[in-house]
Protein backbone atom coordinates (compact mmCIF):
# COMPACT_ATOMS: atom_id res chain seq x y z
CA UNK A 1 -15.23 96.73 -93.01
CA UNK A 2 -15.82 94.04 -90.42
CA UNK A 3 -13.00 91.96 -89.05
CA UNK A 4 -15.44 89.71 -87.18
CA UNK A 5 -17.44 88.43 -90.15
CA UNK A 6 -15.90 88.29 -93.60
CA UNK A 7 -17.95 88.91 -96.70
CA UNK A 8 -17.19 85.32 -97.73
CA UNK A 9 -18.52 83.93 -94.42
CA UNK A 10 -21.63 86.12 -94.67
CA UNK A 11 -22.21 85.13 -98.29
CA UNK A 12 -22.00 81.45 -97.32
CA UNK A 13 -24.36 81.96 -94.34
CA UNK A 14 -26.84 83.80 -96.61
CA UNK A 15 -26.45 81.22 -99.37
CA UNK A 16 -25.45 83.89 -101.88
CA UNK A 17 -23.50 82.18 -104.65
CA UNK A 18 -21.87 85.10 -106.46
CA UNK A 19 -19.89 88.21 -105.64
CA UNK A 20 -22.26 90.67 -107.35
CA UNK A 21 -23.83 91.74 -104.02
CA UNK A 22 -20.58 92.01 -102.04
CA UNK A 23 -20.74 95.80 -101.56
CA UNK A 24 -24.29 95.49 -100.23
CA UNK A 25 -23.31 92.56 -98.00
CA UNK A 26 -20.37 94.51 -96.54
CA UNK A 27 -22.74 97.33 -95.57
CA UNK A 28 -25.23 94.84 -94.14
CA UNK A 29 -22.51 93.16 -92.04
CA UNK A 30 -21.55 96.53 -90.55
CA UNK A 31 -25.22 97.25 -89.77
CA UNK A 32 -25.69 93.79 -88.24
CA UNK A 33 -22.63 94.27 -86.01
CA UNK A 34 -24.05 97.57 -84.80
CA UNK A 35 -27.40 95.96 -84.02
CA UNK A 36 -25.90 93.00 -82.14
CA UNK A 37 -23.33 94.99 -80.18
CA UNK A 38 -25.90 97.69 -79.45
CA UNK A 39 -28.21 95.04 -78.04
CA UNK A 40 -25.37 93.60 -76.00
CA UNK A 41 -24.58 97.01 -74.56
CA UNK A 42 -20.94 96.61 -75.58
CA UNK A 43 -18.75 98.59 -77.94
CA UNK A 44 -17.49 96.77 -81.03
CA UNK A 45 -13.95 97.80 -80.15
CA UNK A 46 -12.09 99.58 -77.40
CA UNK A 47 -12.78 99.60 -73.66
CA UNK A 48 -15.49 97.12 -72.69
CA UNK A 49 -15.28 95.09 -75.89
CA UNK A 50 -13.84 91.65 -76.50
CA UNK A 51 -10.49 91.25 -78.20
CA UNK A 52 -11.28 90.27 -81.81
CA UNK A 53 -10.03 86.70 -81.38
CA UNK A 54 -12.17 86.23 -78.24
CA UNK A 55 -15.60 87.30 -79.48
CA UNK A 56 -17.86 84.36 -78.52
CA UNK A 57 -19.07 82.16 -81.37
CA UNK A 58 -22.76 82.84 -80.56
CA UNK A 59 -22.10 86.56 -81.06
CA UNK A 60 -20.45 85.91 -84.45
CA UNK A 61 -23.37 83.68 -85.44
CA UNK A 62 -25.83 86.35 -84.30
CA UNK A 63 -24.11 88.90 -86.55
CA UNK A 64 -24.43 86.51 -89.50
CA UNK A 65 -28.06 85.73 -88.61
CA UNK A 66 -28.99 89.40 -88.35
CA UNK A 67 -27.12 90.14 -91.60
CA UNK A 68 -29.05 87.37 -93.37
CA UNK A 69 -32.34 88.71 -92.00
CA UNK A 70 -31.50 92.22 -93.23
CA UNK A 71 -30.53 90.83 -96.64
CA UNK A 72 -33.73 88.78 -96.91
CA UNK A 73 -36.04 91.51 -95.54
CA UNK A 74 -34.61 94.66 -97.07
CA UNK A 75 -36.82 97.53 -96.07
CA UNK A 76 -38.42 95.59 -93.21
CA UNK A 77 -37.61 94.79 -89.62
CA UNK A 78 -34.74 92.32 -89.48
CA UNK A 79 -35.00 90.81 -85.98
CA UNK A 80 -36.82 91.51 -82.76
CA UNK A 81 -35.30 92.06 -79.33
CA UNK A 82 -36.72 88.67 -78.30
CA UNK A 83 -34.87 87.00 -81.17
CA UNK A 84 -31.65 88.81 -80.26
CA UNK A 85 -32.10 87.83 -76.61
CA UNK A 86 -32.45 84.18 -77.68
CA UNK A 87 -29.29 84.43 -79.78
CA UNK A 88 -26.98 86.37 -77.44
CA UNK A 89 -28.84 87.27 -74.25
CA UNK A 90 -26.33 85.39 -72.15
CA UNK A 91 -23.55 87.65 -73.43
CA UNK A 92 -25.25 90.94 -72.50
CA UNK A 93 -23.69 93.14 -69.89
CA UNK A 94 -25.18 91.93 -66.56
CA UNK A 95 -27.26 95.05 -65.98
CA UNK A 96 -28.70 95.00 -69.50
CA UNK A 97 -30.15 91.49 -70.00
């Protein structure tokens, strides 16, 4: 389970009012983190990552945005590389952006 984005924060971002979809949302958050950190070229934790308390706000918001896109477009493409670049391109490893 994510420590960067709580299910409550994701639910609020997605405008989901009840807890019935929490298990799905937890899985979506994990997927969204993988997408964002994969795009950034950084590991979620360990060497080369940010300490949890220092993850930049745009990266947290990108995770919530990607999670909302996955939730809204289940079975489809959530976000493009251009959209990710607009959200967090400035936080990519220098040789990746």
